[in-house]
C-alpha cells in the first residue's frame, strides 16, 4: 500500500489566487474574465480538494481504531467539502487563503455521551499530539452563539490539514434538526 499519494498540485500561491478568483466570480465581483480562467480556477480547486482524499482516509482509519479501542463500534464518517462550500467559506472569511483552510477534508465520530467523547479526545491528544496543527476548539465548553456544540481538532497527514469533529449523539441530533445557518453549525445533510 502507498504511504502517500503525491498529486502534482499548483503552488499555494496559485491555489490561493484561484480561490480568490472563484470567490469574486461567485459573488459577482468580477468585471471581465475569460471563461477559461474560471474553468482553470475550478479545476485547481478540485485538484486541491482531491489531494485531501487519501490523507482524510488515513485519519478516518486512525480515528476508527481509536474509537473502537475505547468504545466498540461507534460510527466514524468522512467528507470532502464541496467546491461551492469552499468558495462560500472563503467569502465569509475574506482574509483566509484557500491553501490555509483546515476543513477541506473532515472526519467525524458521533459518540454516545460526554464521557465517551472525552475518552476519544484524550486518546487523540495522546496518539496524535505531534500531528495536531493547533489547539482543539472546544465548542462544548464554549458553544457557538447559535448553540452548536462539538470538539474540533485539526491534524496534518501527508501535508494536508484534516479536521476531526467529535460530537455526542445528542449534539448530532441537534445539528441535524436545527435550521441551516451561516457556517457549518446546524447544516442539514445534503445542503
Foldseek 3Di string as FASTA:
>chain_A
DDQADDDDADDLVLLLVLLVVVLCVVVVNDDDDDVVSVVVSVVNPVSVLVRCVVQLVVVQVVLQVLLCVQPNHFDKDKDADDPVVLSLVCVVVVVDGSQPDQARIEMETAAADDVSLVSSVVVCCVPQVVFWPDDKDACQVPPDPVRQGWIWTWGDGPNGTYIYTYHYPVNVVQLQPAPDDPDNGNDHPPD
